[in-house]
Amino acid sequence: MPSFSPSDLTGILPPMVTPFDAVNEEIDEASLRQDLRYMIEVGKVHGIVVGGSTGEGHTLTTEELRHLVRITVDEVSGDLPVVAGIIVDSTRQAIERVRALADLDVAALQVTPVHYLFRPSDELMQQHFAAIADASDVPLFIYNVVPWSYLSPSLLTKIITEVDGVMGVKQSAQDLRSLADLLLLLDGRGVVFSALDGLMYPSFVLKPAGIIAGILSTAPNLCVQLWDAVKADDHTTALELHNKLLRIWMAIEGRNMCAKIKTSLELQGRAKSVSRMPMTPTSEQEKEAIRDALASAGLI
């Protein structure tokens, strides 16, 4: 039985980067464990997500994903809930990964719609998630991020309320309106996570269960402080933190976000690693912008 239930998934859940070595682009276990300890001891985060888009989950084999999750579960040692990401292009592939993770202590699965060019019909989209949920002993939530396979608030509500095992959604793509619509339509019948890196403050005011977003990996403790400030109705502090974090997000967003987040970790003296080809490496100009944003936030 998992150590944590869906109700334990709340607050700040950073999607970890996957450290790769510079020689063969293999998973760097020592660097991963180093940053997990940072998240727990310094970041004071509320949970951990691995194998998501920030973690370049689309580049991982099933065996690598299992290895990544196993290391994380071992390092966290039952202190925090762990969520495993599944980013694949067929129901069959997703079920293969569900089965590969079945004996590991994960609280939930974060599953994208298919991310290839061809979008399934709404009916087949629902069948896709139903089949994955049926194969899993832990609940899953839909990671609504793929532009051409984007699920509307009404379709998400239908799937979450009709399919056993689908607990909720991580609402991404900087879409604050869809987050608000989902929270209204579901009315407490599902778990809704924000994924709005640049809009964390206003999204927290809407009271989602929590947030899973790339910026959390760069500045976990500031994000925890923002979460706590909004919960305490301290909006003066919240706005100050929002402005610091927004500058960081402006420096790390973009097509090579994963590489830039890894640069932000290195600049803070945390884990150093590369991204898998063909992710564009961080340029010197981008690195300086990240350095300036981190400095302005007091992180370096």
C-alpha atoms as a PDB file:
ATOM      1  CA  MET A   1       0.000   0.000   0.000  1.00  0.00           C
ATOM      2  CA  PRO A   2       1.267   3.535  -0.770  1.00  0.00           C
ATOM      3  CA  SER A   3       2.464   5.563   2.223  1.00  0.00           C
ATOM      4  CA  PHE A   4       0.435   8.575   1.099  1.00  0.00           C
ATOM      5  CA  SER A   5      -3.108   9.123  -0.166  1.00  0.00           C
ATOM      6  CA  PRO A   6      -4.352  11.668  -2.748  1.00  0.00           C
ATOM      7  CA  SER A   7      -5.375  14.001   0.087  1.00  0.00           C
ATOM      8  CA  ASP A   8      -1.681  14.268   1.018  1.00  0.00           C
ATOM      9  CA  LEU A   9      -0.904  15.845  -2.355  1.00  0.00           C
ATOM     10  CA  THR A  10      -1.114  19.510  -1.503  1.00  0.00           C
ATOM     11  CA  GLY A  11       1.059  22.601  -1.567  1.00  0.00           C
ATOM     12  CA  ILE A  12       4.408  22.852  -3.346  1.00  0.00           C
ATOM     13  CA  LEU A  13       5.339  19.746  -5.373  1.00  0.00           C
ATOM     14  CA  PRO A  14       8.405  20.531  -7.501  1.00  0.00           C
ATOM     15  CA  PRO A  15       8.888  18.556 -10.716  1.00  0.00           C
ATOM     16  CA  MET A  16      12.498  17.464 -10.389  1.00  0.00           C
ATOM     17  CA  VAL A  17      14.995  17.860 -13.194  1.00  0.00           C
ATOM     18  CA  THR A  18      16.586  14.587 -14.267  1.00  0.00           C
ATOM     19  CA  PRO A  19      20.362  15.021 -13.992  1.00  0.00           C
ATOM     20  CA  PHE A  20      22.241  13.488 -16.918  1.00  0.00           C
ATOM     21  CA  ASP A  21      26.014  13.144 -17.112  1.00  0.00           C
ATOM     22  CA  ALA A  22      27.884  14.990 -19.852  1.00  0.00           C
ATOM     23  CA  VAL A  23      29.543  11.871 -21.303  1.00  0.00           C
ATOM     24  CA  ASN A  24      26.707   9.468 -22.151  1.00  0.00           C
ATOM     25  CA  GLU A  25      23.604  11.370 -21.013  1.00  0.00           C
ATOM     26  CA  GLU A  26      22.950   8.680 -18.392  1.00  0.00           C
ATOM     27  CA  ILE A  27      21.003   9.376 -15.196  1.00  0.00           C
ATOM     28  CA  ASP A  28      23.372  10.823 -12.580  1.00  0.00           C
ATOM     29  CA  GLU A  29      22.172   9.201  -9.356  1.00  0.00           C
ATOM     30  CA  ALA A  30      24.470  11.171  -7.039  1.00  0.00           C
ATOM     31  CA  SER A  31      23.294  14.526  -8.423  1.00  0.00           C
ATOM     32  CA  LEU A  32      19.648  13.464  -8.194  1.00  0.00           C
ATOM     33  CA  ARG A  33      20.044  12.459  -4.560  1.00  0.00           C
ATOM     34  CA  GLN A  34      21.865  15.737  -3.848  1.00  0.00           C
ATOM     35  CA  ASP A  35      19.006  17.817  -5.215  1.00  0.00           C
ATOM     36  CA  LEU A  36      16.360  15.700  -3.496  1.00  0.00           C
ATOM     37  CA  ARG A  37      18.064  16.435  -0.182  1.00  0.00           C
ATOM     38  CA  TYR A  38      18.095  20.126  -1.077  1.00  0.00           C
ATOM     39  CA  MET A  39      14.370  20.058  -1.806  1.00  0.00           C
ATOM     40  CA  ILE A  40      13.603  18.415   1.529  1.00  0.00           C
ATOM     41  CA  GLU A  41      16.081  20.170   3.833  1.00  0.00           C
ATOM     42  CA  VAL A  42      16.297  23.653   2.306  1.00  0.00           C
ATOM     43  CA  GLY A  43      13.232  23.907   0.095  1.00  0.00           C
ATOM     44  CA  LYS A  44      10.872  22.464   2.734  1.00  0.00           C
ATOM     45  CA  VAL A  45       8.625  21.275  -0.094  1.00  0.00           C
ATOM     46  CA  HIS A  46       5.438  19.261   0.383  1.00  0.00           C
ATOM     47  CA  GLY A  47       6.012  16.528  -2.208  1.00  0.00           C
ATOM     48  CA  ILE A  48       8.192  15.428  -5.114  1.00  0.00           C
ATOM     49  CA  VAL A  49       7.374  14.810  -8.794  1.00  0.00           C
ATOM     50  CA  VAL A  50       9.748  12.904 -11.083  1.00  0.00           C
ATOM     51  CA  GLY A  51       9.609  12.016 -14.762  1.00  0.00           C
ATOM     52  CA  GLY A  52       7.561  15.074 -15.750  1.00  0.00           C
ATOM     53  CA  SER A  53       8.283  17.502 -18.553  1.00  0.00           C
ATOM     54  CA  THR A  54      10.755  19.478 -16.416  1.00  0.00           C
ATOM     55  CA  GLY A  55      12.466  16.140 -15.825  1.00  0.00           C
ATOM     56  CA  GLU A  56      12.609  15.447 -19.584  1.00  0.00           C
ATOM     57  CA  GLY A  57      10.295  12.497 -19.030  1.00  0.00           C
ATOM     58  CA  HIS A  58       9.593  12.302 -22.747  1.00  0.00           C
ATOM     59  CA  THR A  59      13.208  11.166 -23.265  1.00  0.00           C
ATOM     60  CA  LEU A  60      13.140   8.348 -20.699  1.00  0.00           C
ATOM     61  CA  THR A  61      12.748   4.667 -21.389  1.00  0.00           C
ATOM     62  CA  THR A  62      10.464   2.619 -19.151  1.00  0.00           C
ATOM     63  CA  GLU A  63      13.523   1.156 -17.426  1.00  0.00           C
ATOM     64  CA  GLU A  64      14.986   4.625 -16.849  1.00  0.00           C
ATOM     65  CA  LEU A  65      11.723   5.935 -15.428  1.00  0.00           C
ATOM     66  CA  ARG A  66      11.592   3.046 -12.993  1.00  0.00           C
ATOM     67  CA  HIS A  67      15.220   3.694 -12.011  1.00  0.00           C
ATOM     68  CA  LEU A  68      14.471   7.392 -11.463  1.00  0.00           C
ATOM     69  CA  VAL A  69      11.391   6.715  -9.338  1.00  0.00           C
ATOM     70  CA  ARG A  70      13.156   4.010  -7.330  1.00  0.00           C
ATOM     71  CA  ILE A  71      16.014   6.373  -6.431  1.00  0.00           C
ATOM     72  CA  THR A  72      13.554   9.099  -5.455  1.00  0.00           C
ATOM     73  CA  VAL A  73      11.418   6.837  -3.280  1.00  0.00           C
ATOM     74  CA  ASP A  74      14.544   5.545  -1.577  1.00  0.00           C
ATOM     75  CA  GLU A  75      15.975   9.015  -0.907  1.00  0.00           C
ATOM     76  CA  VAL A  76      12.670  10.506   0.279  1.00  0.00           C
ATOM     77  CA  SER A  77      12.289   7.472   2.565  1.00  0.00           C
ATOM     78  CA  GLY A  78       8.590   7.932   3.251  1.00  0.00           C
ATOM     79  CA  ASP A  79       8.906  11.566   4.414  1.00  0.00           C
ATOM     80  CA  LEU A  80       7.103  13.072   1.404  1.00  0.00           C
ATOM     81  CA  PRO A  81       4.656  11.814  -1.238  1.00  0.00           C
ATOM     82  CA  VAL A  82       6.207  10.983  -4.608  1.00  0.00           C
ATOM     83  CA  VAL A  83       4.370  11.408  -7.923  1.00  0.00           C
ATOM     84  CA  ALA A  84       5.645   9.655 -11.058  1.00  0.00           C
ATOM     85  CA  GLY A  85       5.211  11.164 -14.525  1.00  0.00           C
ATOM     86  CA  ILE A  86       4.146   9.232 -17.604  1.00  0.00           C
ATOM     87  CA  ILE A  87       4.648  10.941 -20.988  1.00  0.00           C
ATOM     88  CA  VAL A  88       4.014   8.535 -23.859  1.00  0.00           C
ATOM     89  CA  ASP A  89       2.045   8.293 -27.098  1.00  0.00           C
ATOM     90  CA  SER A  90      -0.225   5.296 -26.657  1.00  0.00           C
ATOM     91  CA  THR A  91      -2.407   3.603 -24.075  1.00  0.00           C
ATOM     92  CA  ARG A  92      -0.276   0.473 -24.391  1.00  0.00           C
ATOM     93  CA  GLN A  93       2.929   2.373 -23.564  1.00  0.00           C
ATOM     94  CA  ALA A  94       1.299   4.065 -20.586  1.00  0.00           C
ATOM     95  CA  ILE A  95       0.094   0.758 -19.149  1.00  0.00           C
ATOM     96  CA  GLU A  96       3.579  -0.704 -19.594  1.00  0.00           C
ATOM     97  CA  ARG A  97       4.961   2.092 -17.423  1.00  0.00           C
ATOM     98  CA  VAL A  98       2.180   1.724 -14.842  1.00  0.00           C
ATOM     99  CA  ARG A  99       3.135  -1.929 -14.453  1.00  0.00           C
ATOM    100  CA  ALA A 100       6.846  -1.125 -14.261  1.00  0.00           C
ATOM    101  CA  LEU A 101       6.195   1.195 -11.304  1.00  0.00           C
ATOM    102  CA  ALA A 102       3.616  -0.989  -9.559  1.00  0.00           C
ATOM    103  CA  ASP A 103       5.825  -2.111  -6.673  1.00  0.00           C
ATOM    104  CA  LEU A 104       7.230   1.352  -5.895  1.00  0.00           C
ATOM    105  CA  ASP A 105       5.775   3.636  -3.215  1.00  0.00           C
ATOM    106  CA  VAL A 106       4.210   6.390  -5.312  1.00  0.00           C
ATOM    107  CA  ALA A 107       1.162   8.374  -4.233  1.00  0.00           C
ATOM    108  CA  ALA A 108      -0.116   9.078  -7.747  1.00  0.00           C
ATOM    109  CA  LEU A 109       0.734   9.119 -11.433  1.00  0.00           C
ATOM    110  CA  GLN A 110       0.881  12.286 -13.552  1.00  0.00           C
ATOM    111  CA  VAL A 111      -0.147  11.337 -17.081  1.00  0.00           C
ATOM    112  CA  THR A 112      -0.192  13.514 -20.195  1.00  0.00           C
ATOM    113  CA  PRO A 113      -2.566  13.028 -23.088  1.00  0.00           C
ATOM    114  CA  VAL A 114      -0.770  11.655 -26.136  1.00  0.00           C
ATOM    115  CA  HIS A 115       1.632  14.328 -27.284  1.00  0.00           C
ATOM    116  CA  TYR A 116       2.097  13.374 -30.905  1.00  0.00           C
ATOM    117  CA  LEU A 117       0.408  15.397 -33.665  1.00  0.00           C
ATOM    118  CA  PHE A 118      -2.829  13.419 -33.947  1.00  0.00           C
ATOM    119  CA  ARG A 119      -5.441  14.202 -31.309  1.00  0.00           C
ATOM    120  CA  PRO A 120      -7.844  11.411 -30.310  1.00  0.00           C
ATOM    121  CA  SER A 121     -11.568  12.110 -30.073  1.00  0.00           C
ATOM    122  CA  ASP A 122     -12.989  13.100 -26.684  1.00  0.00           C
ATOM    123  CA  GLU A 123     -14.495   9.617 -26.332  1.00  0.00           C
ATOM    124  CA  LEU A 124     -11.171   7.894 -26.986  1.00  0.00           C
ATOM    125  CA  MET A 125      -9.382  10.371 -24.739  1.00  0.00           C
ATOM    126  CA  GLN A 126     -11.662   9.271 -21.903  1.00  0.00           C
ATOM    127  CA  GLN A 127     -11.122   5.591 -22.759  1.00  0.00           C
ATOM    128  CA  HIS A 128      -7.356   6.177 -22.770  1.00  0.00           C
ATOM    129  CA  PHE A 129      -7.306   7.506 -19.216  1.00  0.00           C
ATOM    130  CA  ALA A 130      -9.856   4.930 -18.046  1.00  0.00           C
ATOM    131  CA  ALA A 131      -7.651   2.076 -19.280  1.00  0.00           C
ATOM    132  CA  ILE A 132      -4.574   3.532 -17.582  1.00  0.00           C
ATOM    133  CA  ALA A 133      -6.468   4.065 -14.326  1.00  0.00           C
ATOM    134  CA  ASP A 134      -7.827   0.517 -14.484  1.00  0.00           C
ATOM    135  CA  ALA A 135      -4.279  -0.842 -14.754  1.00  0.00           C
ATOM    136  CA  SER A 136      -3.030   1.150 -11.760  1.00  0.00           C
ATOM    137  CA  ASP A 137      -3.362   0.553  -8.031  1.00  0.00           C
ATOM    138  CA  VAL A 138      -2.751   4.254  -7.358  1.00  0.00           C
ATOM    139  CA  PRO A 139      -4.801   7.182  -8.691  1.00  0.00           C
ATOM    140  CA  LEU A 140      -3.705   9.294 -11.599  1.00  0.00           C
ATOM    141  CA  PHE A 141      -4.246  12.874 -12.600  1.00  0.00           C
ATOM    142  CA  ILE A 142      -4.223  14.304 -16.089  1.00  0.00           C
ATOM    143  CA  TYR A 143      -1.352  16.622 -16.954  1.00  0.00           C
ATOM    144  CA  ASN A 144      -3.192  18.990 -19.285  1.00  0.00           C
ATOM    145  CA  VAL A 145      -0.289  20.530 -21.160  1.00  0.00           C
ATOM    146  CA  VAL A 146      -0.198  19.344 -24.797  1.00  0.00           C
ATOM    147  CA  PRO A 147      -1.557  22.190 -26.993  1.00  0.00           C
ATOM    148  CA  TRP A 148      -2.973  19.989 -29.772  1.00  0.00           C
ATOM    149  CA  SER A 149      -4.341  17.456 -27.255  1.00  0.00           C
ATOM    150  CA  TYR A 150      -5.628  20.057 -24.811  1.00  0.00           C
ATOM    151  CA  LEU A 151      -8.635  18.925 -22.769  1.00  0.00           C
ATOM    152  CA  SER A 152     -11.376  21.484 -22.164  1.00  0.00           C
ATOM    153  CA  PRO A 153     -12.646  22.103 -18.627  1.00  0.00           C
ATOM    154  CA  SER A 154     -15.909  20.342 -19.529  1.00  0.00           C
ATOM    155  CA  LEU A 155     -14.119  17.230 -20.847  1.00  0.00           C
ATOM    156  CA  LEU A 156     -11.810  17.133 -17.841  1.00  0.00           C
ATOM    157  CA  THR A 157     -14.808  17.402 -15.528  1.00  0.00           C
ATOM    158  CA  LYS A 158     -16.518  14.555 -17.361  1.00  0.00           C
ATOM    159  CA  ILE A 159     -13.485  12.267 -17.124  1.00  0.00           C
ATOM    160  CA  ILE A 160     -12.718  13.080 -13.484  1.00  0.00           C
ATOM    161  CA  THR A 161     -16.300  12.560 -12.346  1.00  0.00           C
ATOM    162  CA  GLU A 162     -16.996   9.446 -14.446  1.00  0.00           C
ATOM    163  CA  VAL A 163     -13.723   7.483 -14.432  1.00  0.00           C
ATOM    164  CA  ASP A 164     -12.717   5.701 -11.233  1.00  0.00           C
ATOM    165  CA  GLY A 165      -9.044   6.190 -10.517  1.00  0.00           C
ATOM    166  CA  VAL A 166      -8.703   9.598 -12.231  1.00  0.00           C
ATOM    167  CA  MET A 167      -8.355  11.901  -9.245  1.00  0.00           C
ATOM    168  CA  GLY A 168      -7.911  15.259 -10.950  1.00  0.00           C
ATOM    169  CA  VAL A 169      -5.847  17.434 -13.229  1.00  0.00           C
ATOM    170  CA  LYS A 170      -2.693  19.488 -13.405  1.00  0.00           C
ATOM    171  CA  GLN A 171      -3.760  22.546 -15.379  1.00  0.00           C
ATOM    172  CA  SER A 172      -0.915  23.973 -17.418  1.00  0.00           C
ATOM    173  CA  ALA A 173      -0.247  26.177 -20.477  1.00  0.00           C
ATOM    174  CA  GLN A 174      -0.449  29.426 -18.463  1.00  0.00           C
ATOM    175  CA  ASP A 175      -4.247  29.226 -18.627  1.00  0.00           C
ATOM    176  CA  LEU A 176      -5.627  30.893 -15.479  1.00  0.00           C
ATOM    177  CA  ARG A 177      -9.166  31.022 -16.887  1.00  0.00           C
ATOM    178  CA  SER A 178      -9.269  27.250 -17.438  1.00  0.00           C
ATOM    179  CA  LEU A 179      -7.987  26.712 -13.905  1.00  0.00           C
ATOM    180  CA  ALA A 180     -10.809  28.871 -12.570  1.00  0.00           C
ATOM    181  CA  ASP A 181     -13.378  27.094 -14.763  1.00  0.00           C
ATOM    182  CA  LEU A 182     -12.176  23.686 -13.583  1.00  0.00           C
ATOM    183  CA  LEU A 183     -12.370  24.586  -9.923  1.00  0.00           C
ATOM    184  CA  LEU A 184     -15.900  25.904 -10.451  1.00  0.00           C
ATOM    185  CA  LEU A 185     -17.136  22.960 -12.521  1.00  0.00           C
ATOM    186  CA  LEU A 186     -15.621  20.279 -10.318  1.00  0.00           C
ATOM    187  CA  ASP A 187     -16.769  21.969  -7.109  1.00  0.00           C
ATOM    188  CA  GLY A 188     -14.565  19.791  -4.925  1.00  0.00           C
ATOM    189  CA  ARG A 189     -15.171  16.518  -6.793  1.00  0.00           C
ATOM    190  CA  GLY A 190     -11.564  16.277  -8.011  1.00  0.00           C
ATOM    191  CA  VAL A 191      -8.090  17.462  -7.132  1.00  0.00           C
ATOM    192  CA  VAL A 192      -6.876  20.419  -9.210  1.00  0.00           C
ATOM    193  CA  PHE A 193      -3.227  21.444  -9.334  1.00  0.00           C
ATOM    194  CA  SER A 194      -2.014  24.714 -10.792  1.00  0.00           C
ATOM    195  CA  ALA A 195       0.926  24.615 -13.196  1.00  0.00           C
ATOM    196  CA  LEU A 196       1.069  28.349 -13.843  1.00  0.00           C
ATOM    197  CA  ASP A 197       4.688  29.333 -13.211  1.00  0.00           C
ATOM    198  CA  GLY A 198       4.244  33.039 -13.933  1.00  0.00           C
ATOM    199  CA  LEU A 199       0.804  33.244 -12.307  1.00  0.00           C
ATOM    200  CA  MET A 200       1.368  31.372  -9.073  1.00  0.00           C
ATOM    201  CA  TYR A 201       0.099  34.169  -6.854  1.00  0.00           C
ATOM    202  CA  PRO A 202      -3.289  34.667  -8.554  1.00  0.00           C
ATOM    203  CA  SER A 203      -3.659  30.907  -8.996  1.00  0.00           C
ATOM    204  CA  PHE A 204      -3.126  30.337  -5.253  1.00  0.00           C
ATOM    205  CA  VAL A 205      -5.916  32.804  -4.504  1.00  0.00           C
ATOM    206  CA  LEU A 206      -8.281  30.442  -6.368  1.00  0.00           C
ATOM    207  CA  LYS A 207      -7.323  27.706  -3.843  1.00  0.00           C
ATOM    208  CA  PRO A 208      -6.130  24.761  -5.931  1.00  0.00           C
ATOM    209  CA  ALA A 209      -4.848  21.719  -4.058  1.00  0.00           C
ATOM    210  CA  GLY A 210      -1.313  22.792  -4.873  1.00  0.00           C
ATOM    211  CA  ILE A 211       1.099  23.501  -7.674  1.00  0.00           C
ATOM    212  CA  ILE A 212       3.445  21.434  -9.851  1.00  0.00           C
ATOM    213  CA  ALA A 213       5.497  23.760 -12.062  1.00  0.00           C
ATOM    214  CA  GLY A 214       9.068  24.091 -13.297  1.00  0.00           C
ATOM    215  CA  ILE A 215       9.874  27.242 -11.348  1.00  0.00           C
ATOM    216  CA  LEU A 216       9.422  25.283  -8.127  1.00  0.00           C
ATOM    217  CA  SER A 217      12.566  23.334  -8.987  1.00  0.00           C
ATOM    218  CA  THR A 218      14.579  26.537  -9.303  1.00  0.00           C
ATOM    219  CA  ALA A 219      13.281  28.362  -6.209  1.00  0.00           C
ATOM    220  CA  PRO A 220      11.442  25.870  -3.979  1.00  0.00           C
ATOM    221  CA  ASN A 221      11.659  27.760  -0.714  1.00  0.00           C
ATOM    222  CA  LEU A 222      10.442  31.065  -2.186  1.00  0.00           C
ATOM    223  CA  CYS A 223       7.481  29.168  -3.645  1.00  0.00           C
ATOM    224  CA  VAL A 224       6.725  27.605  -0.258  1.00  0.00           C
ATOM    225  CA  GLN A 225       6.864  31.091   1.275  1.00  0.00           C
ATOM    226  CA  LEU A 226       4.417  32.369  -1.374  1.00  0.00           C
ATOM    227  CA  TRP A 227       2.046  29.450  -0.715  1.00  0.00           C
ATOM    228  CA  ASP A 228       2.161  30.139   3.022  1.00  0.00           C
ATOM    229  CA  ALA A 229       1.679  33.886   2.560  1.00  0.00           C
ATOM    230  CA  VAL A 230      -1.469  33.444   0.465  1.00  0.00           C
ATOM    231  CA  LYS A 231      -2.865  30.923   2.956  1.00  0.00           C
ATOM    232  CA  ALA A 232      -2.255  33.484   5.725  1.00  0.00           C
ATOM    233  CA  ASP A 233      -3.892  36.285   3.668  1.00  0.00           C
ATOM    234  CA  ASP A 234      -0.587  38.192   3.802  1.00  0.00           C
ATOM    235  CA  HIS A 235      -0.929  39.695   0.351  1.00  0.00           C
ATOM    236  CA  THR A 236       1.784  42.308   0.823  1.00  0.00           C
ATOM    237  CA  THR A 237       4.364  39.569   1.290  1.00  0.00           C
ATOM    238  CA  ALA A 238       2.751  37.482  -1.442  1.00  0.00           C
ATOM    239  CA  LEU A 239       3.051  40.275  -3.998  1.00  0.00           C
ATOM    240  CA  GLU A 240       6.715  40.858  -3.122  1.00  0.00           C
ATOM    241  CA  LEU A 241       7.444  37.165  -3.584  1.00  0.00           C
ATOM    242  CA  HIS A 242       5.431  37.081  -6.813  1.00  0.00           C
ATOM    243  CA  ASN A 243       7.573  39.845  -8.297  1.00  0.00           C
ATOM    244  CA  LYS A 244      10.807  38.033  -7.370  1.00  0.00           C
ATOM    245  CA  LEU A 245       9.557  34.763  -8.799  1.00  0.00           C
ATOM    246  CA  LEU A 246       8.167  36.343 -11.946  1.00  0.00           C
ATOM    247  CA  ARG A 247      11.616  37.739 -12.791  1.00  0.00           C
ATOM    248  CA  ILE A 248      13.046  34.248 -12.399  1.00  0.00           C
ATOM    249  CA  TRP A 249      10.326  32.742 -14.582  1.00  0.00           C
ATOM    250  CA  MET A 250      10.941  35.337 -17.301  1.00  0.00           C
ATOM    251  CA  ALA A 251      14.591  34.227 -17.331  1.00  0.00           C
ATOM    252  CA  ILE A 252      13.981  30.453 -17.454  1.00  0.00           C
ATOM    253  CA  GLU A 253      10.883  30.055 -19.628  1.00  0.00           C
ATOM    254  CA  GLY A 254      11.242  29.126 -23.284  1.00  0.00           C
ATOM    255  CA  ARG A 255      11.866  26.207 -25.610  1.00  0.00           C
ATOM    256  CA  ASN A 256      14.980  25.137 -23.685  1.00  0.00           C
ATOM    257  CA  MET A 257      13.437  25.614 -20.238  1.00  0.00           C
ATOM    258  CA  CYS A 258      14.793  22.298 -18.953  1.00  0.00           C
ATOM    259  CA  ALA A 259      18.359  23.317 -19.788  1.00  0.00           C
ATOM    260  CA  LYS A 260      17.870  26.760 -18.242  1.00  0.00           C
ATOM    261  CA  ILE A 261      16.452  25.314 -15.028  1.00  0.00           C
ATOM    262  CA  LYS A 262      19.534  23.094 -14.800  1.00  0.00           C
ATOM    263  CA  THR A 263      21.672  26.203 -15.267  1.00  0.00           C
ATOM    264  CA  SER A 264      19.770  27.903 -12.451  1.00  0.00           C
ATOM    265  CA  LEU A 265      20.575  24.971 -10.156  1.00  0.00           C
ATOM    266  CA  GLU A 266      24.264  25.082 -11.068  1.00  0.00           C
ATOM    267  CA  LEU A 267      24.438  28.833 -10.411  1.00  0.00           C
ATOM    268  CA  GLN A 268      23.061  28.180  -6.923  1.00  0.00           C
ATOM    269  CA  GLY A 269      25.739  25.568  -6.229  1.00  0.00           C
ATOM    270  CA  ARG A 270      23.288  22.710  -6.560  1.00  0.00           C
ATOM    271  CA  ALA A 271      23.400  19.713  -8.916  1.00  0.00           C
ATOM    272  CA  LYS A 272      25.276  20.225 -12.184  1.00  0.00           C
ATOM    273  CA  SER A 273      24.138  18.293 -15.252  1.00  0.00           C
ATOM    274  CA  VAL A 274      23.291  18.490 -18.942  1.00  0.00           C
ATOM    275  CA  SER A 275      20.039  17.982 -20.840  1.00  0.00           C
ATOM    276  CA  ARG A 276      19.587  15.284 -23.443  1.00  0.00           C
ATOM    277  CA  MET A 277      20.080  16.080 -27.096  1.00  0.00           C
ATOM    278  CA  PRO A 278      18.603  17.836 -28.962  1.00  0.00           C
ATOM    279  CA  MET A 279      17.613  20.230 -26.142  1.00  0.00           C
ATOM    280  CA  THR A 280      19.290  23.576 -26.887  1.00  0.00           C
ATOM    281  CA  PRO A 281      21.933  24.334 -24.212  1.00  0.00           C
ATOM    282  CA  THR A 282      21.728  27.554 -22.215  1.00  0.00           C
ATOM    283  CA  SER A 283      23.527  30.389 -23.999  1.00  0.00           C
ATOM    284  CA  GLU A 284      25.836  32.814 -22.209  1.00  0.00           C
ATOM    285  CA  GLN A 285      23.253  35.577 -22.630  1.00  0.00           C
ATOM    286  CA  GLU A 286      20.547  33.368 -21.119  1.00  0.00           C
ATOM    287  CA  LYS A 287      22.874  32.373 -18.282  1.00  0.00           C
ATOM    288  CA  GLU A 288      23.515  36.008 -17.391  1.00  0.00           C
ATOM    289  CA  ALA A 289      19.776  36.739 -17.363  1.00  0.00           C
ATOM    290  CA  ILE A 290      19.216  33.782 -15.032  1.00  0.00           C
ATOM    291  CA  ARG A 291      22.090  34.920 -12.814  1.00  0.00           C
ATOM    292  CA  ASP A 292      20.609  38.429 -12.552  1.00  0.00           C
ATOM    293  CA  ALA A 293      17.132  37.104 -11.701  1.00  0.00           C
ATOM    294  CA  LEU A 294      18.486  34.731  -9.044  1.00  0.00           C
ATOM    295  CA  ALA A 295      20.582  37.530  -7.549  1.00  0.00           C
ATOM    296  CA  SER A 296      17.611  39.909  -7.439  1.00  0.00           C
ATOM    297  CA  ALA A 297      15.665  37.221  -5.546  1.00  0.00           C
ATOM    298  CA  GLY A 298      18.509  36.704  -3.072  1.00  0.00           C
ATOM    299  CA  LEU A 299      19.210  33.140  -4.172  1.00  0.00           C
ATOM    300  CA  ILE A 300      22.851  33.774  -5.088  1.00  0.00           C
END
